[in-house]
Amino acid sequence: MAGTTPRATIDAARSLLQAGCHRELIEALVDPADLSKVLAKKSMDDLVKGFVEEDKPKDLMKVLDRSRAVTPTADETTHITMFDTGSGVLRMHEIDGRWYIKN
């Protein structure tokens, strides 16, 4: 799911959220190294359950919608692109040609 551009990744993430595909969203959007650290402490099922119960899908959709409306800044050295929405910053990290959320 992680796209080849930050905007493509945002659009794909929105589609997964709208479809209620939370597990797929987490697997595809969370930086693999960060996901491995989390999964060392809890199961994917528990992670997804907490994500949904804490109303994170709604919060993430708001962030993604706001990010679509701004021009990002990119740092070619760190492979991080930031979307400053005025109410927060969405950071996306490119790893092997794919983009992940890095907040």
Protein backbone atom coordinates (compact mmCIF):
# COMPACT_ATOMS: atom_id res chain seq x y z
CA MET A 1 0.00 0.00 0.00
CA ALA A 2 2.74 2.46 0.81
CA GLY A 3 2.99 4.55 -2.30
CA THR A 4 5.83 5.73 -4.44
CA THR A 5 5.16 9.35 -3.46
CA PRO A 6 4.00 10.88 -0.19
CA ARG A 7 0.73 12.05 -1.76
CA ALA A 8 0.04 8.63 -3.28
CA THR A 9 0.63 7.10 0.15
CA ILE A 10 -1.77 9.58 1.76
CA ASP A 11 -4.45 8.77 -0.83
CA ALA A 12 -3.97 5.02 -0.37
CA ALA A 13 -4.12 5.40 3.42
CA ARG A 14 -7.38 7.36 3.13
CA SER A 15 -8.86 4.58 0.99
CA LEU A 16 -7.89 1.91 3.53
CA LEU A 17 -9.34 3.98 6.38
CA GLN A 18 -12.58 4.52 4.50
CA ALA A 19 -12.82 0.77 3.84
CA GLY A 20 -12.14 -0.04 7.50
CA CYS A 21 -8.98 -1.97 6.61
CA HIS A 22 -7.12 -1.02 9.77
CA ARG A 23 -4.75 -3.98 9.93
CA GLU A 24 -3.68 -3.46 6.33
CA LEU A 25 -3.24 0.24 6.98
CA ILE A 26 -0.96 -0.35 9.95
CA GLU A 27 1.07 -3.00 8.15
CA ALA A 28 1.57 -0.76 5.13
CA LEU A 29 1.88 2.70 6.64
CA VAL A 30 3.94 2.26 9.80
CA ASP A 31 7.71 2.34 9.34
CA PRO A 32 8.78 -1.34 9.34
CA ALA A 33 11.43 -0.81 12.04
CA ASP A 34 8.92 0.98 14.28
CA LEU A 35 6.30 -1.70 13.66
CA SER A 36 8.77 -4.43 14.61
CA LYS A 37 9.47 -2.69 17.91
CA VAL A 38 5.77 -2.42 18.72
CA LEU A 39 5.08 -6.02 17.70
CA ALA A 40 7.83 -7.20 20.03
CA LYS A 41 5.60 -5.98 22.88
CA LYS A 42 2.08 -6.77 21.63
CA SER A 43 0.30 -8.73 18.94
CA MET A 44 -0.93 -7.20 15.71
CA ASP A 45 -4.49 -8.00 16.80
CA ASP A 46 -3.99 -6.02 20.03
CA LEU A 47 -2.39 -3.16 18.12
CA VAL A 48 -5.32 -2.97 15.69
CA LYS A 49 -7.84 -3.25 18.50
CA GLY A 50 -6.21 -0.38 20.41
CA PHE A 51 -6.00 1.71 17.24
CA VAL A 52 -9.74 1.35 16.67
CA GLU A 53 -10.82 1.65 20.32
CA GLU A 54 -8.82 4.85 20.80
CA ASP A 55 -10.58 6.38 17.77
CA LYS A 56 -7.27 6.72 15.92
CA PRO A 57 -8.79 6.09 12.48
CA LYS A 58 -10.82 9.30 12.76
CA ASP A 59 -7.81 11.26 14.03
CA LEU A 60 -5.57 9.93 11.26
CA MET A 61 -8.15 10.75 8.60
CA LYS A 62 -8.22 14.36 9.81
CA VAL A 63 -4.42 14.57 9.62
CA LEU A 64 -4.36 13.03 6.16
CA ASP A 65 -7.09 15.36 4.90
CA ARG A 66 -5.26 18.42 6.23
CA SER A 67 -1.99 17.20 4.75
CA ARG A 68 -3.52 16.91 1.28
CA ALA A 69 -4.23 20.66 1.38
CA VAL A 70 -0.65 21.85 2.00
CA THR A 71 2.59 21.88 0.06
CA PRO A 72 5.13 19.61 1.73
CA THR A 73 8.78 20.30 2.37
CA ALA A 74 11.29 17.59 1.57
CA ASP A 75 14.74 16.83 2.91
CA GLU A 76 16.62 14.82 0.32
CA THR A 77 19.37 13.93 2.81
CA THR A 78 17.09 12.27 5.37
CA HIS A 79 14.41 11.16 2.88
CA ILE A 80 11.77 12.79 5.07
CA THR A 81 8.91 14.86 3.72
CA MET A 82 6.88 17.02 6.09
CA PHE A 83 3.36 18.34 5.72
CA ASP A 84 2.92 21.27 8.13
CA THR A 85 -0.83 21.77 8.46
CA GLY A 86 -0.64 24.56 11.01
CA SER A 87 -2.16 22.28 13.64
CA GLY A 88 0.56 19.67 13.40
CA VAL A 89 3.17 18.11 11.16
CA LEU A 90 2.84 14.84 9.30
CA ARG A 91 6.28 13.34 8.68
CA MET A 92 6.75 10.72 6.00
CA HIS A 93 9.93 8.72 5.54
CA GLU A 94 11.04 7.11 2.30
CA ILE A 95 12.53 3.64 2.69
CA ASP A 96 13.51 1.66 -0.40
CA GLY A 97 11.24 3.73 -2.64
CA ARG A 98 8.16 3.46 -0.40
CA TRP A 99 6.73 6.07 1.96
CA TYR A 100 5.75 5.51 5.61
CA ILE A 101 4.46 7.72 8.41
CA LYS A 102 7.26 8.67 10.77
CA ASN A 103 5.70 10.64 13.64
